[in-house]
Amino acid sequence: MILRLHRGLPVEIQPLGNEYVREEFKRHKTCNATETHIFLNEWTDYALSLAKQLGIRGPQTAQPLGKSLKEEDFDKLRDEQLYQLYELMIAATGKHEDDLKKS
């Protein structure tokens, strides 16, 4: 379902989103039942949020893409997850570390 939703994303970021989804599902193939429950809940929330943002019920319901993270959301992430998020931001914006320091 998530890969189908990604068809509604701008063409430039579809491959990035699709690859990220595939890698995350591969990475969590062998997680325990508790982690599986959390993992699937988070991806379900993502799918619902993306459907709302894309206006699946019609263009009049579309919202701007993306969601800002709160500071407490960052505090919950492991270092590895923060690094992934940083890499994702660089890939999505097309900016490199040097460009980010200048802005």
Protein backbone atom coordinates (compact mmCIF):
# COMPACT_ATOMS: atom_id res chain seq x y z
CA MET A 1 0.00 0.00 0.00
CA ILE A 2 2.81 2.43 0.85
CA LEU A 3 4.52 1.92 -2.51
CA ARG A 4 1.19 2.59 -4.25
CA LEU A 5 0.78 5.78 -2.21
CA HIS A 6 4.28 6.85 -3.24
CA ARG A 7 3.02 7.06 -6.84
CA GLY A 8 1.32 10.28 -5.74
CA LEU A 9 4.61 11.83 -4.59
CA PRO A 10 6.58 14.19 -6.84
CA VAL A 11 8.48 12.11 -9.41
CA GLU A 12 11.87 13.33 -8.10
CA ILE A 13 11.40 11.80 -4.65
CA GLN A 14 9.49 8.61 -5.49
CA PRO A 15 12.65 6.47 -5.92
CA LEU A 16 14.09 7.78 -2.65
CA GLY A 17 10.89 7.02 -0.74
CA ASN A 18 10.46 3.59 -2.32
CA GLU A 19 14.04 2.57 -1.60
CA TYR A 20 13.75 3.73 2.01
CA VAL A 21 10.55 1.71 2.53
CA ARG A 22 12.06 -1.44 1.00
CA GLU A 23 15.23 -1.14 3.10
CA GLU A 24 13.31 -0.57 6.34
CA PHE A 25 11.10 -3.60 5.77
CA LYS A 26 14.15 -5.74 4.94
CA ARG A 27 15.95 -4.47 8.05
CA HIS A 28 13.03 -5.38 10.30
CA LYS A 29 12.31 -8.83 8.84
CA THR A 30 13.62 -10.64 11.90
CA CYS A 31 12.51 -8.35 14.72
CA ASN A 32 10.59 -9.68 17.71
CA ALA A 33 6.80 -9.49 18.16
CA THR A 34 6.89 -6.29 20.21
CA GLU A 35 9.12 -4.51 17.68
CA THR A 36 6.94 -5.82 14.82
CA HIS A 37 3.85 -4.33 16.44
CA ILE A 38 5.52 -0.92 16.87
CA PHE A 39 7.03 -1.05 13.37
CA LEU A 40 3.71 -1.84 11.68
CA ASN A 41 1.83 0.78 13.72
CA GLU A 42 4.33 3.45 12.68
CA TRP A 43 4.08 2.50 9.00
CA THR A 44 0.28 2.43 9.23
CA ASP A 45 0.34 5.96 10.68
CA TYR A 46 2.67 7.00 7.86
CA ALA A 47 0.33 5.53 5.22
CA LEU A 48 -2.70 7.28 6.71
CA SER A 49 -0.84 10.58 7.00
CA LEU A 50 0.48 10.36 3.44
CA ALA A 51 -2.97 9.47 2.08
CA LYS A 52 -4.37 12.56 3.81
CA GLN A 53 -1.53 14.75 2.52
CA LEU A 54 -1.95 13.49 -1.05
CA GLY A 55 -5.69 14.06 -0.94
CA ILE A 56 -6.70 10.48 -1.76
CA ARG A 57 -10.33 11.45 -1.29
CA GLY A 58 -9.88 14.14 -3.91
CA PRO A 59 -7.57 17.10 -4.58
CA GLN A 60 -9.66 19.37 -2.35
CA THR A 61 -8.51 17.33 0.65
CA ALA A 62 -4.78 17.47 -0.19
CA GLN A 63 -2.40 19.02 2.32
CA PRO A 64 1.22 20.15 2.00
CA LEU A 65 3.62 17.20 1.96
CA GLY A 66 5.72 16.49 5.00
CA LYS A 67 5.43 16.76 8.72
CA SER A 68 7.60 18.69 11.14
CA LEU A 69 9.16 16.77 13.98
CA LYS A 70 8.91 18.10 17.50
CA GLU A 71 11.96 18.27 19.73
CA GLU A 72 10.63 15.41 21.88
CA ASP A 73 10.40 13.28 18.71
CA PHE A 74 14.13 13.76 18.14
CA ASP A 75 14.85 12.79 21.75
CA LYS A 76 13.18 9.41 21.16
CA LEU A 77 15.44 8.54 18.21
CA ARG A 78 18.60 6.49 18.49
CA ASP A 79 21.83 7.91 17.02
CA GLU A 80 21.51 5.53 14.07
CA GLN A 81 17.99 6.81 13.36
CA LEU A 82 19.09 10.45 13.61
CA TYR A 83 21.84 9.74 11.09
CA GLN A 84 19.32 8.07 8.75
CA LEU A 85 17.04 11.06 9.07
CA TYR A 86 19.92 13.41 8.31
CA GLU A 87 20.88 11.38 5.22
CA LEU A 88 17.26 11.34 4.10
CA MET A 89 17.08 15.13 4.45
CA ILE A 90 20.23 15.56 2.35
CA ALA A 91 18.90 13.20 -0.32
CA ALA A 92 15.48 14.85 -0.38
CA THR A 93 16.75 18.44 -0.51
CA GLY A 94 19.73 17.78 -2.77
CA LYS A 95 21.90 19.78 -0.36
CA HIS A 96 25.21 18.52 0.91
CA GLU A 97 26.73 19.17 4.32
CA ASP A 98 28.71 22.20 3.06
CA ASP A 99 25.54 23.75 1.61
CA LEU A 100 23.71 23.26 4.92
CA LYS A 101 26.45 25.02 6.91
CA LYS A 102 26.18 28.07 4.64
CA SER A 103 22.40 28.44 5.13
